[in-house]
Amino acid sequence: RRLLAHLEAGRAAQLQGARTAEAMGE
């Protein structure tokens, strides 16, 4: 369960990074 929680947190952080990058445009 700890492993799953860490993997989900890592995925959430990367998705947030993708949203931030998308807002940066080109």
mmCIF file of all heavy atoms, coordinates in Angstrom:
data_MODEL
# 
_entry.id   MODEL 
# 
loop_
_atom_site.group_PDB 
_atom_site.id 
_atom_site.type_symbol 
_atom_site.label_atom_id 
_atom_site.label_alt_id 
_atom_site.label_comp_id 
_atom_site.label_asym_id 
_atom_site.label_entity_id 
_atom_site.label_seq_id 
_atom_site.pdbx_PDB_ins_code 
_atom_site.Cartn_x 
_atom_site.Cartn_y 
_atom_site.Cartn_z 
_atom_site.occupancy 
_atom_site.B_iso_or_equiv 
_atom_site.pdbx_formal_charge 
_atom_site.auth_seq_id 
_atom_site.auth_comp_id 
_atom_site.auth_asym_id 
_atom_site.auth_atom_id 
_atom_site.pdbx_PDB_model_num 
ATOM 1   N N   . ARG A 1 1  ? 0.837  -1.212 0.000   1.00 0.00 ? 1  ARG A N   1 
ATOM 2   C CA  . ARG A 1 1  ? 0.000  0.000  0.000   1.00 0.00 ? 1  ARG A CA  1 
ATOM 3   C C   . ARG A 1 1  ? 0.866  1.254  0.000   1.00 0.00 ? 1  ARG A C   1 
ATOM 4   O O   . ARG A 1 1  ? 0.519  2.252  -0.634  1.00 0.00 ? 1  ARG A O   1 
ATOM 5   C CB  . ARG A 1 1  ? -0.948 0.018  1.203   1.00 0.00 ? 1  ARG A CB  1 
ATOM 6   C CG  . ARG A 1 1  ? -1.932 -1.113 1.188   1.00 0.00 ? 1  ARG A CG  1 
ATOM 7   C CD  . ARG A 1 1  ? -2.958 -0.913 0.102   1.00 0.00 ? 1  ARG A CD  1 
ATOM 8   N NE  . ARG A 1 1  ? -3.741 -2.127 -0.036  1.00 0.00 ? 1  ARG A NE  1 
ATOM 9   C CZ  . ARG A 1 1  ? -4.421 -2.464 -1.107  1.00 0.00 ? 1  ARG A CZ  1 
ATOM 10  N NH1 . ARG A 1 1  ? -4.453 -1.664 -2.137  1.00 0.00 ? 1  ARG A NH1 1 
ATOM 11  N NH2 . ARG A 1 1  ? -5.091 -3.576 -1.161  1.00 0.00 ? 1  ARG A NH2 1 
ATOM 12  N N   . ARG A 1 2  ? 1.989  1.224  0.707   1.00 0.00 ? 2  ARG A N   1 
ATOM 13  C CA  . ARG A 1 2  ? 2.906  2.371  0.691   1.00 0.00 ? 2  ARG A CA  1 
ATOM 14  C C   . ARG A 1 2  ? 3.479  2.571  -0.707  1.00 0.00 ? 2  ARG A C   1 
ATOM 15  O O   . ARG A 1 2  ? 3.597  3.705  -1.181  1.00 0.00 ? 2  ARG A O   1 
ATOM 16  C CB  . ARG A 1 2  ? 4.019  2.190  1.720   1.00 0.00 ? 2  ARG A CB  1 
ATOM 17  C CG  . ARG A 1 2  ? 3.554  2.392  3.153   1.00 0.00 ? 2  ARG A CG  1 
ATOM 18  C CD  . ARG A 1 2  ? 4.698  2.582  4.136   1.00 0.00 ? 2  ARG A CD  1 
ATOM 19  N NE  . ARG A 1 2  ? 5.820  1.691  3.962   1.00 0.00 ? 2  ARG A NE  1 
ATOM 20  C CZ  . ARG A 1 2  ? 5.999  0.532  4.602   1.00 0.00 ? 2  ARG A CZ  1 
ATOM 21  N NH1 . ARG A 1 2  ? 5.101  0.115  5.470   1.00 0.00 ? 2  ARG A NH1 1 
ATOM 22  N NH2 . ARG A 1 2  ? 7.070  -0.199 4.383   1.00 0.00 ? 2  ARG A NH2 1 
ATOM 23  N N   . LEU A 1 3  ? 3.844  1.472  -1.365  1.00 0.00 ? 3  LEU A N   1 
ATOM 24  C CA  . LEU A 1 3  ? 4.361  1.561  -2.726  1.00 0.00 ? 3  LEU A CA  1 
ATOM 25  C C   . LEU A 1 3  ? 3.325  2.191  -3.652  1.00 0.00 ? 3  LEU A C   1 
ATOM 26  O O   . LEU A 1 3  ? 3.647  3.113  -4.415  1.00 0.00 ? 3  LEU A O   1 
ATOM 27  C CB  . LEU A 1 3  ? 4.760  0.174  -3.233  1.00 0.00 ? 3  LEU A CB  1 
ATOM 28  C CG  . LEU A 1 3  ? 5.160  0.086  -4.712  1.00 0.00 ? 3  LEU A CG  1 
ATOM 29  C CD1 . LEU A 1 3  ? 6.392  0.946  -4.992  1.00 0.00 ? 3  LEU A CD1 1 
ATOM 30  C CD2 . LEU A 1 3  ? 5.398  -1.362 -5.104  1.00 0.00 ? 3  LEU A CD2 1 
ATOM 31  N N   . LEU A 1 4  ? 2.083  1.714  -3.585  1.00 0.00 ? 4  LEU A N   1 
ATOM 32  C CA  . LEU A 1 4  ? 1.033  2.296  -4.427  1.00 0.00 ? 4  LEU A CA  1 
ATOM 33  C C   . LEU A 1 4  ? 0.849  3.782  -4.143  1.00 0.00 ? 4  LEU A C   1 
ATOM 34  O O   . LEU A 1 4  ? 0.695  4.583  -5.066  1.00 0.00 ? 4  LEU A O   1 
ATOM 35  C CB  . LEU A 1 4  ? -0.289 1.560  -4.230  1.00 0.00 ? 4  LEU A CB  1 
ATOM 36  C CG  . LEU A 1 4  ? -0.437 0.210  -4.914  1.00 0.00 ? 4  LEU A CG  1 
ATOM 37  C CD1 . LEU A 1 4  ? -1.825 -0.371 -4.651  1.00 0.00 ? 4  LEU A CD1 1 
ATOM 38  C CD2 . LEU A 1 4  ? -0.166 0.298  -6.392  1.00 0.00 ? 4  LEU A CD2 1 
ATOM 39  N N   . ALA A 1 5  ? 0.881  4.153  -2.882  1.00 0.00 ? 5  ALA A N   1 
ATOM 40  C CA  . ALA A 1 5  ? 0.724  5.565  -2.522  1.00 0.00 ? 5  ALA A CA  1 
ATOM 41  C C   . ALA A 1 5  ? 1.854  6.404  -3.107  1.00 0.00 ? 5  ALA A C   1 
ATOM 42  O O   . ALA A 1 5  ? 1.614  7.505  -3.635  1.00 0.00 ? 5  ALA A O   1 
ATOM 43  C CB  . ALA A 1 5  ? 0.668  5.727  -1.007  1.00 0.00 ? 5  ALA A CB  1 
ATOM 44  N N   . HIS A 1 6  ? 3.078  5.899  -3.057  1.00 0.00 ? 6  HIS A N   1 
ATOM 45  C CA  . HIS A 1 6  ? 4.217  6.635  -3.614  1.00 0.00 ? 6  HIS A CA  1 
ATOM 46  C C   . HIS A 1 6  ? 4.103  6.750  -5.138  1.00 0.00 ? 6  HIS A C   1 
ATOM 47  O O   . HIS A 1 6  ? 4.389  7.809  -5.713  1.00 0.00 ? 6  HIS A O   1 
ATOM 48  C CB  . HIS A 1 6  ? 5.539  5.970  -3.243  1.00 0.00 ? 6  HIS A CB  1 
ATOM 49  C CG  . HIS A 1 6  ? 5.927  6.170  -1.819  1.00 0.00 ? 6  HIS A CG  1 
ATOM 50  N ND1 . HIS A 1 6  ? 6.252  7.398  -1.286  1.00 0.00 ? 6  HIS A ND1 1 
ATOM 51  C CD2 . HIS A 1 6  ? 6.038  5.285  -0.801  1.00 0.00 ? 6  HIS A CD2 1 
ATOM 52  C CE1 . HIS A 1 6  ? 6.548  7.269  -0.019  1.00 0.00 ? 6  HIS A CE1 1 
ATOM 53  N NE2 . HIS A 1 6  ? 6.416  5.991  0.310   1.00 0.00 ? 6  HIS A NE2 1 
ATOM 54  N N   . LEU A 1 7  ? 3.700  5.668  -5.788  1.00 0.00 ? 7  LEU A N   1 
ATOM 55  C CA  . LEU A 1 7  ? 3.550  5.704  -7.243  1.00 0.00 ? 7  LEU A CA  1 
ATOM 56  C C   . LEU A 1 7  ? 2.434  6.656  -7.659  1.00 0.00 ? 7  LEU A C   1 
ATOM 57  O O   . LEU A 1 7  ? 2.582  7.404  -8.632  1.00 0.00 ? 7  LEU A O   1 
ATOM 58  C CB  . LEU A 1 7  ? 3.295  4.296  -7.786  1.00 0.00 ? 7  LEU A CB  1 
ATOM 59  C CG  . LEU A 1 7  ? 4.477  3.334  -7.676  1.00 0.00 ? 7  LEU A CG  1 
ATOM 60  C CD1 . LEU A 1 7  ? 4.037  1.913  -8.016  1.00 0.00 ? 7  LEU A CD1 1 
ATOM 61  C CD2 . LEU A 1 7  ? 5.628  3.775  -8.570  1.00 0.00 ? 7  LEU A CD2 1 
ATOM 62  N N   . GLU A 1 8  ? 1.331  6.655  -6.927  1.00 0.00 ? 8  GLU A N   1 
ATOM 63  C CA  . GLU A 1 8  ? 0.240  7.580  -7.234  1.00 0.00 ? 8  GLU A CA  1 
ATOM 64  C C   . GLU A 1 8  ? 0.664  9.033  -7.012  1.00 0.00 ? 8  GLU A C   1 
ATOM 65  O O   . GLU A 1 8  ? 0.312  9.914  -7.800  1.00 0.00 ? 8  GLU A O   1 
ATOM 66  C CB  . GLU A 1 8  ? -0.993 7.236  -6.405  1.00 0.00 ? 8  GLU A CB  1 
ATOM 67  C CG  . GLU A 1 8  ? -1.651 5.950  -6.846  1.00 0.00 ? 8  GLU A CG  1 
ATOM 68  C CD  . GLU A 1 8  ? -2.780 5.497  -5.933  1.00 0.00 ? 8  GLU A CD  1 
ATOM 69  O OE1 . GLU A 1 8  ? -3.144 6.237  -4.982  1.00 0.00 ? 8  GLU A OE1 1 
ATOM 70  O OE2 . GLU A 1 8  ? -3.297 4.393  -6.167  1.00 0.00 ? 8  GLU A OE2 1 
ATOM 71  N N   . ALA A 1 9  ? 1.435  9.278  -5.957  1.00 0.00 ? 9  ALA A N   1 
ATOM 72  C CA  . ALA A 1 9  ? 1.925  10.639 -5.702  1.00 0.00 ? 9  ALA A CA  1 
ATOM 73  C C   . ALA A 1 9  ? 2.887  11.080 -6.804  1.00 0.00 ? 9  ALA A C   1 
ATOM 74  O O   . ALA A 1 9  ? 2.839  12.232 -7.253  1.00 0.00 ? 9  ALA A O   1 
ATOM 75  C CB  . ALA A 1 9  ? 2.600  10.714 -4.334  1.00 0.00 ? 9  ALA A CB  1 
ATOM 76  N N   . GLY A 1 10 ? 3.743  10.169 -7.245  1.00 0.00 ? 10 GLY A N   1 
ATOM 77  C CA  . GLY A 1 10 ? 4.661  10.486 -8.342  1.00 0.00 ? 10 GLY A CA  1 
ATOM 78  C C   . GLY A 1 10 ? 3.907  10.796 -9.619  1.00 0.00 ? 10 GLY A C   1 
ATOM 79  O O   . GLY A 1 10 ? 4.239  11.743 -10.345 1.00 0.00 ? 10 GLY A O   1 
ATOM 80  N N   . ARG A 1 11 ? 2.868  10.013 -9.908  1.00 0.00 ? 11 ARG A N   1 
ATOM 81  C CA  . ARG A 1 11 ? 2.054  10.266 -11.102 1.00 0.00 ? 11 ARG A CA  1 
ATOM 82  C C   . ARG A 1 11 ? 1.360  11.619 -11.006 1.00 0.00 ? 11 ARG A C   1 
ATOM 83  O O   . ARG A 1 11 ? 1.356  12.395 -11.955 1.00 0.00 ? 11 ARG A O   1 
ATOM 84  C CB  . ARG A 1 11 ? 1.017  9.160  -11.273 1.00 0.00 ? 11 ARG A CB  1 
ATOM 85  C CG  . ARG A 1 11 ? 0.100  9.381  -12.459 1.00 0.00 ? 11 ARG A CG  1 
ATOM 86  C CD  . ARG A 1 11 ? -0.779 8.173  -12.720 1.00 0.00 ? 11 ARG A CD  1 
ATOM 87  N NE  . ARG A 1 11 ? -1.841 8.463  -13.652 1.00 0.00 ? 11 ARG A NE  1 
ATOM 88  C CZ  . ARG A 1 11 ? -1.700 8.611  -14.969 1.00 0.00 ? 11 ARG A CZ  1 
ATOM 89  N NH1 . ARG A 1 11 ? -0.507 8.494  -15.520 1.00 0.00 ? 11 ARG A NH1 1 
ATOM 90  N NH2 . ARG A 1 11 ? -2.733 8.871  -15.745 1.00 0.00 ? 11 ARG A NH2 1 
ATOM 91  N N   . ALA A 1 12 ? 0.804  11.917 -9.843  1.00 0.00 ? 12 ALA A N   1 
ATOM 92  C CA  . ALA A 1 12 ? 0.123  13.204 -9.656  1.00 0.00 ? 12 ALA A CA  1 
ATOM 93  C C   . ALA A 1 12 ? 1.089  14.371 -9.864  1.00 0.00 ? 12 ALA A C   1 
ATOM 94  O O   . ALA A 1 12 ? 0.736  15.373 -10.494 1.00 0.00 ? 12 ALA A O   1 
ATOM 95  C CB  . ALA A 1 12 ? -0.506 13.273 -8.269  1.00 0.00 ? 12 ALA A CB  1 
ATOM 96  N N   . ALA A 1 13 ? 2.308  14.234 -9.361  1.00 0.00 ? 13 ALA A N   1 
ATOM 97  C CA  . ALA A 1 13 ? 3.305  15.298 -9.531  1.00 0.00 ? 13 ALA A CA  1 
ATOM 98  C C   . ALA A 1 13 ? 3.655  15.481 -11.010 1.00 0.00 ? 13 ALA A C   1 
ATOM 99  O O   . ALA A 1 13 ? 3.788  16.620 -11.482 1.00 0.00 ? 13 ALA A O   1 
ATOM 100 C CB  . ALA A 1 13 ? 4.563  14.982 -8.723  1.00 0.00 ? 13 ALA A CB  1 
ATOM 101 N N   . GLN A 1 14 ? 3.779  14.382 -11.747 1.00 0.00 ? 14 GLN A N   1 
ATOM 102 C CA  . GLN A 1 14 ? 4.100  14.489 -13.169 1.00 0.00 ? 14 GLN A CA  1 
ATOM 103 C C   . GLN A 1 14 ? 2.933  15.088 -13.957 1.00 0.00 ? 14 GLN A C   1 
ATOM 104 O O   . GLN A 1 14 ? 3.141  15.878 -14.879 1.00 0.00 ? 14 GLN A O   1 
ATOM 105 C CB  . GLN A 1 14 ? 4.479  13.113 -13.732 1.00 0.00 ? 14 GLN A CB  1 
ATOM 106 C CG  . GLN A 1 14 ? 5.786  12.586 -13.198 1.00 0.00 ? 14 GLN A CG  1 
ATOM 107 C CD  . GLN A 1 14 ? 6.952  13.511 -13.489 1.00 0.00 ? 14 GLN A CD  1 
ATOM 108 O OE1 . GLN A 1 14 ? 7.065  14.110 -14.556 1.00 0.00 ? 14 GLN A OE1 1 
ATOM 109 N NE2 . GLN A 1 14 ? 7.847  13.633 -12.515 1.00 0.00 ? 14 GLN A NE2 1 
ATOM 110 N N   . LEU A 1 15 ? 1.709  14.725 -13.587 1.00 0.00 ? 15 LEU A N   1 
ATOM 111 C CA  . LEU A 1 15 ? 0.548  15.321 -14.260 1.00 0.00 ? 15 LEU A CA  1 
ATOM 112 C C   . LEU A 1 15 ? 0.483  16.823 -13.994 1.00 0.00 ? 15 LEU A C   1 
ATOM 113 O O   . LEU A 1 15 ? 0.140  17.604 -14.888 1.00 0.00 ? 15 LEU A O   1 
ATOM 114 C CB  . LEU A 1 15 ? -0.747 14.629 -13.817 1.00 0.00 ? 15 LEU A CB  1 
ATOM 115 C CG  . LEU A 1 15 ? -0.940 13.208 -14.344 1.00 0.00 ? 15 LEU A CG  1 
ATOM 116 C CD1 . LEU A 1 15 ? -2.160 12.566 -13.697 1.00 0.00 ? 15 LEU A CD1 1 
ATOM 117 C CD2 . LEU A 1 15 ? -1.068 13.205 -15.860 1.00 0.00 ? 15 LEU A CD2 1 
ATOM 118 N N   . GLN A 1 16 ? 0.816  17.214 -12.771 1.00 0.00 ? 16 GLN A N   1 
ATOM 119 C CA  . GLN A 1 16 ? 0.850  18.648 -12.460 1.00 0.00 ? 16 GLN A CA  1 
ATOM 120 C C   . GLN A 1 16 ? 1.943  19.338 -13.282 1.00 0.00 ? 16 GLN A C   1 
ATOM 121 O O   . GLN A 1 16 ? 1.739  20.432 -13.799 1.00 0.00 ? 16 GLN A O   1 
ATOM 122 C CB  . GLN A 1 16 ? 1.085  18.879 -10.965 1.00 0.00 ? 16 GLN A CB  1 
ATOM 123 C CG  . GLN A 1 16 ? 1.111  20.345 -10.581 1.00 0.00 ? 16 GLN A CG  1 
ATOM 124 C CD  . GLN A 1 16 ? -0.172 21.069 -10.949 1.00 0.00 ? 16 GLN A CD  1 
ATOM 125 O OE1 . GLN A 1 16 ? -1.266 20.587 -10.695 1.00 0.00 ? 16 GLN A OE1 1 
ATOM 126 N NE2 . GLN A 1 16 ? -0.053 22.232 -11.564 1.00 0.00 ? 16 GLN A NE2 1 
ATOM 127 N N   . GLY A 1 17 ? 3.086  18.688 -13.406 1.00 0.00 ? 17 GLY A N   1 
ATOM 128 C CA  . GLY A 1 17 ? 4.154  19.232 -14.242 1.00 0.00 ? 17 GLY A CA  1 
ATOM 129 C C   . GLY A 1 17 ? 3.728  19.372 -15.694 1.00 0.00 ? 17 GLY A C   1 
ATOM 130 O O   . GLY A 1 17 ? 4.065  20.357 -16.358 1.00 0.00 ? 17 GLY A O   1 
ATOM 131 N N   . ALA A 1 18 ? 2.970  18.406 -16.184 1.00 0.00 ? 18 ALA A N   1 
ATOM 132 C CA  . ALA A 1 18 ? 2.477  18.478 -17.561 1.00 0.00 ? 18 ALA A CA  1 
ATOM 133 C C   . ALA A 1 18 ? 1.518  19.652 -17.729 1.00 0.00 ? 18 ALA A C   1 
ATOM 134 O O   . ALA A 1 18 ? 1.569  20.367 -18.729 1.00 0.00 ? 18 ALA A O   1 
ATOM 135 C CB  . ALA A 1 18 ? 1.794  17.164 -17.947 1.00 0.00 ? 18 ALA A CB  1 
ATOM 136 N N   . ARG A 1 19 ? 0.647  19.873 -16.737 1.00 0.00 ? 19 ARG A N   1 
ATOM 137 C CA  . ARG A 1 19 ? -0.280 21.010 -16.810 1.00 0.00 ? 19 ARG A CA  1 
ATOM 138 C C   . ARG A 1 19 ? 0.493  22.327 -16.796 1.00 0.00 ? 19 ARG A C   1 
ATOM 139 O O   . ARG A 1 19 ? 0.154  23.262 -17.523 1.00 0.00 ? 19 ARG A O   1 
ATOM 140 C CB  . ARG A 1 19 ? -1.292 20.952 -15.670 1.00 0.00 ? 19 ARG A CB  1 
ATOM 141 C CG  . ARG A 1 19 ? -2.368 19.892 -15.864 1.00 0.00 ? 19 ARG A CG  1 
ATOM 142 C CD  . ARG A 1 19 ? -3.473 19.990 -14.838 1.00 0.00 ? 19 ARG A CD  1 
ATOM 143 N NE  . ARG A 1 19 ? -3.048 19.572 -13.512 1.00 0.00 ? 19 ARG A NE  1 
ATOM 144 C CZ  . ARG A 1 19 ? -3.057 18.319 -13.071 1.00 0.00 ? 19 ARG A CZ  1 
ATOM 145 N NH1 . ARG A 1 19 ? -3.460 17.342 -13.862 1.00 0.00 ? 19 ARG A NH1 1 
ATOM 146 N NH2 . ARG A 1 19 ? -2.671 18.038 -11.847 1.00 0.00 ? 19 ARG A NH2 1 
ATOM 147 N N   . THR A 1 20 ? 1.517  22.401 -15.963 1.00 0.00 ? 20 THR A N   1 
ATOM 148 C CA  . THR A 1 20 ? 2.337  23.614 -15.895 1.00 0.00 ? 20 THR A CA  1 
ATOM 149 C C   . THR A 1 20 ? 3.046  23.848 -17.222 1.00 0.00 ? 20 THR A C   1 
ATOM 150 O O   . THR A 1 20 ? 3.071  24.965 -17.739 1.00 0.00 ? 20 THR A O   1 
ATOM 151 C CB  . THR A 1 20 ? 3.367  23.502 -14.754 1.00 0.00 ? 20 THR A CB  1 
ATOM 152 O OG1 . THR A 1 20 ? 2.667  23.326 -13.526 1.00 0.00 ? 20 THR A OG1 1 
ATOM 153 C CG2 . THR A 1 20 ? 4.259  24.725 -14.679 1.00 0.00 ? 20 THR A CG2 1 
ATOM 154 N N   . ALA A 1 21 ? 3.603  22.786 -17.793 1.00 0.00 ? 21 ALA A N   1 
ATOM 155 C CA  . ALA A 1 21 ? 4.305  22.897 -19.070 1.00 0.00 ? 21 ALA A CA  1 
ATOM 156 C C   . ALA A 1 21 ? 3.346  23.312 -20.174 1.00 0.00 ? 21 ALA A C   1 
ATOM 157 O O   . ALA A 1 21 ? 3.692  24.126 -21.038 1.00 0.00 ? 21 ALA A O   1 
ATOM 158 C CB  . ALA A 1 21 ? 4.971  21.570 -19.418 1.00 0.00 ? 21 ALA A CB  1 
ATOM 159 N N   . GLU A 1 22 ? 2.143  22.776 -20.138 1.00 0.00 ? 22 GLU A N   1 
ATOM 160 C CA  . GLU A 1 22 ? 1.147  23.124 -21.150 1.00 0.00 ? 22 GLU A CA  1 
ATOM 161 C C   . GLU A 1 22 ? 0.811  24.614 -21.092 1.00 0.00 ? 22 GLU A C   1 
ATOM 162 O O   . GLU A 1 22 ? 0.650  25.270 -22.116 1.00 0.00 ? 22 GLU A O   1 
ATOM 163 C CB  . GLU A 1 22 ? -0.110 22.288 -20.948 1.00 0.00 ? 22 GLU A CB  1 
ATOM 164 C CG  . GLU A 1 22 ? -1.121 22.441 -22.049 1.00 0.00 ? 22 GLU A CG  1 
ATOM 165 C CD  . GLU A 1 22 ? -2.271 21.478 -21.882 1.00 0.00 ? 22 GLU A CD  1 
ATOM 166 O OE1 . GLU A 1 22 ? -2.732 21.273 -20.744 1.00 0.00 ? 22 GLU A OE1 1 
ATOM 167 O OE2 . GLU A 1 22 ? -2.716 20.952 -22.905 1.00 0.00 ? 22 GLU A OE2 1 
ATOM 168 N N   . ALA A 1 23 ? 0.755  25.152 -19.883 1.00 0.00 ? 23 ALA A N   1 
ATOM 169 C CA  . ALA A 1 23 ? 0.463  26.575 -19.711 1.00 0.00 ? 23 ALA A CA  1 
ATOM 170 C C   . ALA A 1 23 ? 1.594  27.457 -20.243 1.00 0.00 ? 23 ALA A C   1 
ATOM 171 O O   . ALA A 1 23 ? 1.373  28.626 -20.550 1.00 0.00 ? 23 ALA A O   1 
ATOM 172 C CB  . ALA A 1 23 ? 0.216  26.884 -18.240 1.00 0.00 ? 23 ALA A CB  1 
ATOM 173 N N   . MET A 1 24 ? 2.789  26.880 -20.372 1.00 0.00 ? 24 MET A N   1 
ATOM 174 C CA  . MET A 1 24 ? 3.940  27.632 -20.881 1.00 0.00 ? 24 MET A CA  1 
ATOM 175 C C   . MET A 1 24 ? 3.899  27.796 -22.398 1.00 0.00 ? 24 MET A C   1 
ATOM 176 O O   . MET A 1 24 ? 4.701  28.526 -22.969 1.00 0.00 ? 24 MET A O   1 
ATOM 177 C CB  . MET A 1 24 ? 5.249  26.929 -20.492 1.00 0.00 ? 24 MET A CB  1 
ATOM 178 C CG  . MET A 1 24 ? 5.510  26.902 -19.006 1.00 0.00 ? 24 MET A CG  1 
ATOM 179 S SD  . MET A 1 24 ? 6.888  25.806 -18.548 1.00 0.00 ? 24 MET A SD  1 
ATOM 180 C CE  . MET A 1 24 ? 8.252  26.555 -19.417 1.00 0.00 ? 24 MET A CE  1 
ATOM 181 N N   . GLY A 1 25 ? 2.993  27.095 -23.051 1.00 0.00 ? 25 GLY A N   1 
ATOM 182 C CA  . GLY A 1 25 ? 2.894  27.185 -24.505 1.00 0.00 ? 25 GLY A CA  1 
ATOM 183 C C   . GLY A 1 25 ? 4.057  26.481 -25.180 1.00 0.00 ? 25 GLY A C   1 
ATOM 184 O O   . GLY A 1 25 ? 4.523  25.438 -24.732 1.00 0.00 ? 25 GLY A O   1 
ATOM 185 N N   . GLU A 1 26 ? 4.551  27.071 -26.263 1.00 0.00 ? 26 GLU A N   1 
ATOM 186 C CA  . GLU A 1 26 ? 5.647  26.479 -27.036 1.00 0.00 ? 26 GLU A CA  1 
ATOM 187 C C   . GLU A 1 26 ? 6.884  26.217 -26.185 1.00 0.00 ? 26 GLU A C   1 
ATOM 188 O O   . GLU A 1 26 ? 7.583  25.236 -26.401 1.00 0.00 ? 26 GLU A O   1 
ATOM 189 C CB  . GLU A 1 26 ? 6.048  27.405 -28.189 1.00 0.00 ? 26 GLU A CB  1 
ATOM 190 C CG  . GLU A 1 26 ? 5.628  27.065 -29.587 1.00 0.00 ? 26 GLU A CG  1 
ATOM 191 C CD  . GLU A 1 26 ? 5.507  25.598 -29.952 1.00 0.00 ? 26 GLU A CD  1 
ATOM 192 O OE1 . GLU A 1 26 ? 6.525  24.911 -30.139 1.00 0.00 ? 26 GLU A OE1 1 
ATOM 193 O OE2 . GLU A 1 26 ? 4.372  25.140 -30.095 1.00 0.00 ? 26 GLU A OE2 1 
# 
